[in-house]
N, C-alpha and C. Protein backbone atom coordinates (compact mmCIF):
# COMPACT_ATOMS: atom_id res chain seq x y z
N UNK A 1 -26.96 2.87 1.75
CA UNK A 1 -25.91 1.91 1.51
C UNK A 1 -24.55 2.59 1.65
N UNK A 2 -23.63 1.94 2.35
CA UNK A 2 -22.30 2.48 2.56
C UNK A 2 -21.45 2.19 1.33
N UNK A 3 -20.79 3.21 0.84
CA UNK A 3 -19.93 3.08 -0.33
C UNK A 3 -18.66 2.33 0.05
N UNK A 4 -18.28 1.29 -0.72
CA UNK A 4 -17.05 0.55 -0.41
C UNK A 4 -15.83 1.46 -0.49
N UNK A 5 -14.86 1.16 0.32
CA UNK A 5 -13.60 1.91 0.31
C UNK A 5 -12.65 1.32 -0.72
N UNK A 6 -11.85 2.18 -1.32
CA UNK A 6 -10.76 1.75 -2.21
C UNK A 6 -9.47 2.17 -1.53
N UNK A 7 -8.69 1.18 -1.12
CA UNK A 7 -7.53 1.43 -0.25
C UNK A 7 -6.28 0.78 -0.83
N UNK A 8 -5.18 1.52 -0.77
CA UNK A 8 -3.87 1.01 -1.16
C UNK A 8 -3.05 0.84 0.11
N UNK A 9 -2.53 -0.37 0.32
CA UNK A 9 -1.75 -0.65 1.53
C UNK A 9 -0.28 -0.30 1.32
N UNK A 10 0.27 0.45 2.25
CA UNK A 10 1.71 0.69 2.25
C UNK A 10 2.38 -0.61 2.67
N UNK A 11 3.65 -0.74 2.38
CA UNK A 11 4.38 -1.98 2.59
C UNK A 11 4.31 -2.48 4.03
N UNK A 12 4.58 -1.59 4.99
CA UNK A 12 4.56 -2.03 6.39
C UNK A 12 3.17 -2.49 6.81
N UNK A 13 2.13 -1.86 6.29
CA UNK A 13 0.76 -2.25 6.63
C UNK A 13 0.46 -3.64 6.07
N UNK A 14 0.88 -3.89 4.85
CA UNK A 14 0.70 -5.22 4.27
C UNK A 14 1.41 -6.28 5.12
N UNK A 15 2.66 -6.02 5.48
CA UNK A 15 3.40 -6.99 6.29
C UNK A 15 2.77 -7.20 7.65
N UNK A 16 2.27 -6.13 8.26
CA UNK A 16 1.56 -6.26 9.54
C UNK A 16 0.32 -7.13 9.37
N UNK A 17 -0.43 -6.90 8.29
CA UNK A 17 -1.63 -7.69 8.03
C UNK A 17 -1.28 -9.17 7.88
N UNK A 18 -0.27 -9.46 7.05
CA UNK A 18 0.09 -10.85 6.79
C UNK A 18 0.62 -11.55 8.02
N UNK A 19 1.25 -10.78 8.92
CA UNK A 19 1.85 -11.36 10.13
C UNK A 19 0.93 -11.25 11.35
N UNK A 20 -0.27 -10.72 11.15
CA UNK A 20 -1.22 -10.48 12.25
C UNK A 20 -0.53 -9.71 13.39
N UNK A 21 0.19 -8.68 12.99
CA UNK A 21 0.99 -7.86 13.91
C UNK A 21 0.09 -6.92 14.70
N UNK A 22 0.36 -6.79 15.98
CA UNK A 22 -0.42 -5.93 16.86
C UNK A 22 -0.31 -4.45 16.55
N UNK A 23 0.66 -4.06 15.74
CA UNK A 23 0.78 -2.64 15.37
C UNK A 23 -0.28 -2.20 14.36
N UNK A 24 -0.91 -3.16 13.71
CA UNK A 24 -1.96 -2.81 12.74
C UNK A 24 -3.20 -2.35 13.51
N UNK A 25 -3.63 -1.09 13.27
CA UNK A 25 -4.80 -0.59 13.99
C UNK A 25 -6.04 -1.46 13.73
N UNK A 26 -6.82 -1.65 14.77
CA UNK A 26 -8.03 -2.47 14.65
C UNK A 26 -8.97 -1.94 13.58
N UNK A 27 -9.06 -0.62 13.47
CA UNK A 27 -9.96 -0.04 12.46
C UNK A 27 -9.50 -0.42 11.04
N UNK A 28 -8.19 -0.56 10.84
CA UNK A 28 -7.68 -0.97 9.53
C UNK A 28 -7.93 -2.45 9.29
N UNK A 29 -7.87 -3.25 10.35
CA UNK A 29 -8.18 -4.69 10.22
C UNK A 29 -9.60 -4.85 9.69
N UNK A 30 -10.50 -4.05 10.22
CA UNK A 30 -11.90 -4.11 9.79
C UNK A 30 -12.01 -3.75 8.31
N UNK A 31 -11.34 -2.70 7.88
CA UNK A 31 -11.39 -2.26 6.49
C UNK A 31 -10.79 -3.32 5.57
N UNK A 32 -9.63 -3.84 5.93
CA UNK A 32 -8.94 -4.82 5.08
C UNK A 32 -9.74 -6.12 4.97
N UNK A 33 -10.34 -6.54 6.05
CA UNK A 33 -11.07 -7.82 6.05
C UNK A 33 -12.47 -7.73 5.45
N UNK A 34 -12.97 -6.53 5.22
CA UNK A 34 -14.32 -6.37 4.67
C UNK A 34 -14.30 -6.70 3.18
N UNK A 35 -15.00 -7.75 2.76
CA UNK A 35 -14.98 -8.15 1.35
C UNK A 35 -15.64 -7.13 0.41
N UNK A 36 -16.37 -6.17 0.97
CA UNK A 36 -16.98 -5.13 0.14
C UNK A 36 -15.99 -4.05 -0.27
N UNK A 37 -14.86 -3.96 0.44
CA UNK A 37 -13.85 -2.95 0.13
C UNK A 37 -12.89 -3.46 -0.93
N UNK A 38 -12.35 -2.54 -1.68
CA UNK A 38 -11.36 -2.85 -2.71
C UNK A 38 -9.99 -2.53 -2.11
N UNK A 39 -9.34 -3.54 -1.55
CA UNK A 39 -8.06 -3.36 -0.88
C UNK A 39 -6.97 -3.84 -1.82
N UNK A 40 -6.06 -2.93 -2.15
CA UNK A 40 -5.06 -3.19 -3.18
C UNK A 40 -3.63 -3.18 -2.62
N UNK A 41 -2.81 -4.00 -3.24
CA UNK A 41 -1.38 -4.03 -2.98
C UNK A 41 -0.71 -3.72 -4.31
N UNK A 42 0.13 -2.72 -4.31
CA UNK A 42 0.79 -2.31 -5.53
C UNK A 42 1.89 -3.28 -5.94
N UNK A 43 2.08 -3.42 -7.24
CA UNK A 43 3.23 -4.16 -7.76
C UNK A 43 4.53 -3.53 -7.25
N UNK A 44 4.48 -2.23 -6.97
CA UNK A 44 5.63 -1.52 -6.40
C UNK A 44 5.95 -2.08 -5.02
N UNK A 45 4.93 -2.37 -4.23
CA UNK A 45 5.14 -2.95 -2.90
C UNK A 45 5.74 -4.34 -3.01
N UNK A 46 5.26 -5.12 -3.95
CA UNK A 46 5.83 -6.46 -4.17
C UNK A 46 7.31 -6.33 -4.53
N UNK A 47 7.64 -5.37 -5.38
CA UNK A 47 9.05 -5.14 -5.75
C UNK A 47 9.87 -4.70 -4.54
N UNK A 48 9.32 -3.79 -3.74
CA UNK A 48 10.05 -3.32 -2.56
C UNK A 48 10.33 -4.47 -1.60
N UNK A 49 9.35 -5.32 -1.37
CA UNK A 49 9.53 -6.45 -0.47
C UNK A 49 10.56 -7.42 -1.04
N UNK A 50 10.50 -7.67 -2.34
CA UNK A 50 11.46 -8.57 -2.98
C UNK A 50 12.89 -8.04 -2.84
N UNK A 51 13.07 -6.74 -3.11
CA UNK A 51 14.40 -6.14 -3.03
C UNK A 51 14.91 -6.15 -1.59
N UNK A 52 14.10 -5.67 -0.68
CA UNK A 52 14.56 -5.53 0.71
C UNK A 52 14.73 -6.88 1.40
N UNK A 53 13.91 -7.88 1.06
CA UNK A 53 14.12 -9.18 1.69
C UNK A 53 15.33 -9.89 1.08
N UNK A 54 15.64 -9.61 -0.18
CA UNK A 54 16.81 -10.24 -0.80
C UNK A 54 18.13 -9.73 -0.21
N UNK A 55 18.10 -8.52 0.37
CA UNK A 55 19.32 -7.99 1.00
C UNK A 55 19.27 -8.08 2.52
N UNK A 56 18.24 -8.76 3.03
CA UNK A 56 18.13 -8.99 4.46
C UNK A 56 17.63 -7.81 5.26
N UNK A 57 17.01 -6.84 4.59
CA UNK A 57 16.53 -5.64 5.28
C UNK A 57 15.16 -5.84 5.93
N UNK A 58 14.41 -6.84 5.48
CA UNK A 58 13.14 -7.15 6.11
C UNK A 58 12.80 -8.61 5.87
N UNK A 59 11.88 -9.11 6.71
CA UNK A 59 11.39 -10.48 6.56
C UNK A 59 9.98 -10.43 6.00
N UNK A 60 9.74 -11.33 5.05
CA UNK A 60 8.43 -11.40 4.41
C UNK A 60 8.17 -12.84 4.02
N UNK A 61 6.91 -13.17 3.77
CA UNK A 61 6.61 -14.54 3.33
C UNK A 61 7.40 -14.87 2.06
N UNK A 62 7.95 -16.09 2.01
CA UNK A 62 8.72 -16.52 0.84
C UNK A 62 7.84 -16.53 -0.41
N UNK A 63 6.59 -16.91 -0.25
CA UNK A 63 5.65 -16.94 -1.37
C UNK A 63 4.64 -15.80 -1.19
N UNK A 64 5.11 -14.59 -1.37
CA UNK A 64 4.29 -13.40 -1.13
C UNK A 64 3.03 -13.39 -1.99
N UNK A 65 3.16 -13.75 -3.26
CA UNK A 65 1.99 -13.69 -4.15
C UNK A 65 0.90 -14.66 -3.69
N UNK A 66 1.30 -15.82 -3.20
CA UNK A 66 0.31 -16.75 -2.67
C UNK A 66 -0.33 -16.20 -1.39
N UNK A 67 0.48 -15.56 -0.55
CA UNK A 67 -0.05 -14.94 0.67
C UNK A 67 -1.08 -13.86 0.33
N UNK A 68 -0.85 -13.12 -0.74
CA UNK A 68 -1.81 -12.10 -1.18
C UNK A 68 -3.11 -12.77 -1.63
N UNK A 69 -2.99 -13.86 -2.39
CA UNK A 69 -4.18 -14.57 -2.86
C UNK A 69 -4.99 -15.12 -1.68
N UNK A 70 -4.30 -15.73 -0.73
CA UNK A 70 -4.98 -16.29 0.44
C UNK A 70 -5.72 -15.19 1.21
N UNK A 71 -5.12 -14.01 1.26
CA UNK A 71 -5.73 -12.88 1.97
C UNK A 71 -6.76 -12.14 1.13
N UNK A 72 -7.00 -12.60 -0.09
CA UNK A 72 -7.96 -11.96 -1.00
C UNK A 72 -7.62 -10.51 -1.29
N UNK A 73 -6.32 -10.23 -1.38
CA UNK A 73 -5.88 -8.87 -1.71
C UNK A 73 -5.57 -8.81 -3.21
N UNK A 74 -6.07 -7.77 -3.85
CA UNK A 74 -5.83 -7.58 -5.28
C UNK A 74 -4.55 -6.79 -5.48
N UNK A 75 -3.92 -7.01 -6.63
CA UNK A 75 -2.71 -6.25 -6.94
C UNK A 75 -3.04 -5.13 -7.92
N UNK A 76 -2.31 -4.06 -7.77
CA UNK A 76 -2.43 -2.90 -8.65
C UNK A 76 -1.14 -2.81 -9.46
N UNK A 77 -1.22 -3.01 -10.78
CA UNK A 77 0.00 -2.92 -11.59
C UNK A 77 0.49 -1.47 -11.68
N UNK A 78 1.78 -1.32 -11.90
CA UNK A 78 2.33 0.01 -12.16
C UNK A 78 2.10 0.32 -13.63
N UNK A 79 1.40 1.41 -13.89
CA UNK A 79 1.07 1.79 -15.25
C UNK A 79 1.82 3.07 -15.63
N UNK A 80 1.85 3.33 -16.92
CA UNK A 80 2.56 4.50 -17.43
C UNK A 80 2.03 5.80 -16.84
N UNK A 81 0.71 5.92 -16.66
CA UNK A 81 0.17 7.17 -16.11
C UNK A 81 0.56 7.35 -14.64
N UNK A 82 0.75 6.25 -13.93
CA UNK A 82 1.25 6.34 -12.55
C UNK A 82 2.68 6.89 -12.56
N UNK A 83 3.51 6.32 -13.41
CA UNK A 83 4.90 6.75 -13.49
C UNK A 83 5.00 8.21 -13.94
N UNK A 84 4.17 8.61 -14.89
CA UNK A 84 4.20 9.98 -15.38
C UNK A 84 3.81 10.98 -14.29
N UNK A 85 2.96 10.56 -13.37
CA UNK A 85 2.52 11.45 -12.28
C UNK A 85 3.68 11.83 -11.35
N UNK A 86 4.75 11.06 -11.38
CA UNK A 86 5.91 11.39 -10.55
C UNK A 86 6.50 12.74 -10.92
N UNK A 87 6.36 13.13 -12.16
CA UNK A 87 6.95 14.39 -12.64
C UNK A 87 6.45 15.60 -11.85
N UNK A 88 5.17 15.58 -11.52
CA UNK A 88 4.56 16.72 -10.83
C UNK A 88 4.44 16.52 -9.32
N UNK A 89 4.96 15.42 -8.82
CA UNK A 89 4.87 15.13 -7.38
C UNK A 89 5.95 15.91 -6.64
N UNK A 90 5.57 16.70 -5.64
CA UNK A 90 6.58 17.44 -4.87
C UNK A 90 7.57 16.49 -4.20
N UNK A 91 8.74 16.99 -3.89
CA UNK A 91 9.80 16.18 -3.30
C UNK A 91 9.79 16.23 -1.78
N UNK A 92 8.61 16.03 -1.18
CA UNK A 92 8.51 15.97 0.28
C UNK A 92 9.16 14.71 0.82
N UNK A 93 9.23 13.69 -0.02
CA UNK A 93 9.69 12.38 0.41
C UNK A 93 10.64 11.84 -0.67
N UNK A 94 11.75 11.26 -0.27
CA UNK A 94 12.76 10.80 -1.23
C UNK A 94 12.67 9.31 -1.55
N UNK A 95 11.94 8.54 -0.76
CA UNK A 95 11.86 7.10 -0.98
C UNK A 95 11.14 6.82 -2.31
N UNK A 96 11.82 6.18 -3.28
CA UNK A 96 11.19 5.98 -4.60
C UNK A 96 9.98 5.05 -4.54
N UNK A 97 9.99 4.06 -3.67
CA UNK A 97 8.84 3.16 -3.56
C UNK A 97 7.63 3.92 -3.04
N UNK A 98 7.82 4.71 -2.00
CA UNK A 98 6.71 5.48 -1.44
C UNK A 98 6.20 6.53 -2.43
N UNK A 99 7.09 7.16 -3.15
CA UNK A 99 6.67 8.15 -4.15
C UNK A 99 5.79 7.50 -5.22
N UNK A 100 6.15 6.28 -5.62
CA UNK A 100 5.34 5.57 -6.61
C UNK A 100 3.97 5.22 -6.04
N UNK A 101 3.92 4.81 -4.78
CA UNK A 101 2.62 4.52 -4.15
C UNK A 101 1.75 5.77 -4.10
N UNK A 102 2.35 6.88 -3.74
CA UNK A 102 1.61 8.15 -3.68
C UNK A 102 1.09 8.52 -5.06
N UNK A 103 1.92 8.35 -6.09
CA UNK A 103 1.48 8.64 -7.46
C UNK A 103 0.33 7.73 -7.86
N UNK A 104 0.43 6.44 -7.55
CA UNK A 104 -0.66 5.53 -7.88
C UNK A 104 -1.95 5.91 -7.15
N UNK A 105 -1.84 6.20 -5.88
CA UNK A 105 -3.02 6.57 -5.10
C UNK A 105 -3.67 7.84 -5.65
N UNK A 106 -2.84 8.78 -6.07
CA UNK A 106 -3.36 10.02 -6.63
C UNK A 106 -4.10 9.78 -7.94
N UNK A 107 -3.47 9.05 -8.85
CA UNK A 107 -4.07 8.79 -10.16
C UNK A 107 -5.34 7.95 -10.02
N UNK A 108 -5.32 6.96 -9.14
CA UNK A 108 -6.44 6.02 -9.00
C UNK A 108 -7.47 6.46 -7.96
N UNK A 109 -7.23 7.60 -7.31
CA UNK A 109 -8.12 8.11 -6.26
C UNK A 109 -8.35 7.08 -5.16
N UNK A 110 -7.24 6.61 -4.59
CA UNK A 110 -7.26 5.62 -3.53
C UNK A 110 -6.87 6.26 -2.21
N UNK A 111 -7.45 5.77 -1.13
CA UNK A 111 -6.97 6.14 0.20
C UNK A 111 -5.76 5.25 0.48
N UNK A 112 -4.78 5.78 1.18
CA UNK A 112 -3.58 5.03 1.51
C UNK A 112 -3.59 4.68 2.99
N UNK A 113 -3.32 3.41 3.28
CA UNK A 113 -3.16 2.97 4.67
C UNK A 113 -1.67 2.97 4.95
N UNK A 114 -1.21 3.96 5.72
CA UNK A 114 0.20 4.09 6.04
C UNK A 114 0.35 4.88 7.34
N UNK A 115 1.35 4.51 8.13
CA UNK A 115 1.68 5.30 9.31
C UNK A 115 2.88 6.21 9.03
N UNK A 116 3.35 6.20 7.80
CA UNK A 116 4.47 7.06 7.40
C UNK A 116 3.96 8.50 7.36
N UNK A 117 4.46 9.32 8.26
CA UNK A 117 3.97 10.71 8.39
C UNK A 117 4.26 11.56 7.17
N UNK A 118 5.25 11.20 6.38
CA UNK A 118 5.57 12.01 5.20
C UNK A 118 4.47 11.95 4.15
N UNK A 119 3.61 10.94 4.18
CA UNK A 119 2.51 10.85 3.22
C UNK A 119 1.55 12.02 3.39
N UNK A 120 1.42 12.53 4.60
CA UNK A 120 0.48 13.62 4.88
C UNK A 120 0.86 14.92 4.17
N UNK A 121 2.09 15.03 3.73
CA UNK A 121 2.53 16.25 3.03
C UNK A 121 2.01 16.31 1.60
N UNK A 122 1.43 15.21 1.13
CA UNK A 122 0.93 15.14 -0.24
C UNK A 122 -0.58 15.26 -0.29
N UNK A 123 -1.08 15.60 -1.46
CA UNK A 123 -2.52 15.70 -1.68
C UNK A 123 -3.07 14.31 -1.97
N UNK A 124 -2.94 13.44 -0.99
CA UNK A 124 -3.42 12.07 -1.11
C UNK A 124 -4.27 11.77 0.12
N UNK A 125 -5.35 11.02 -0.09
CA UNK A 125 -6.21 10.66 1.04
C UNK A 125 -5.55 9.57 1.86
N UNK A 126 -5.59 9.73 3.16
CA UNK A 126 -5.03 8.74 4.07
C UNK A 126 -6.19 8.05 4.80
N UNK A 127 -6.06 6.74 4.97
CA UNK A 127 -7.07 6.01 5.70
C UNK A 127 -6.96 6.40 7.17
N UNK A 128 -8.05 6.90 7.75
CA UNK A 128 -7.97 7.31 9.16
C UNK A 128 -7.81 6.10 10.08
N UNK A 129 -7.12 6.33 11.18
CA UNK A 129 -6.91 5.25 12.17
C UNK A 129 -8.14 5.12 13.02
């Protein structure tokens, strides 16, 4: 029996999924659409999308939470142990949203789906393309 994957989607990957964007690797489409996998969207990602769409920096569904439900994507809340993990996280990357995702993935032992090359500098599992 194949063990289900536990995956955290980076913001751009989530938006690509929701928009059926051609930049989303086919192998990731298979992982995200497999109901046996635990595919998560962080509350941090929801916050990043809300902030950046409110200032016109990106376009996203107006009803993001409903779009997540329709896509059967679960949300991962930001917890105190995730935030505390930031203390020991090296400063390879300055983006606070990405640093929080990396901390969550580390604490929860999740693979991250991201094309952001700076994630590779951390001791976090990346979903292979």
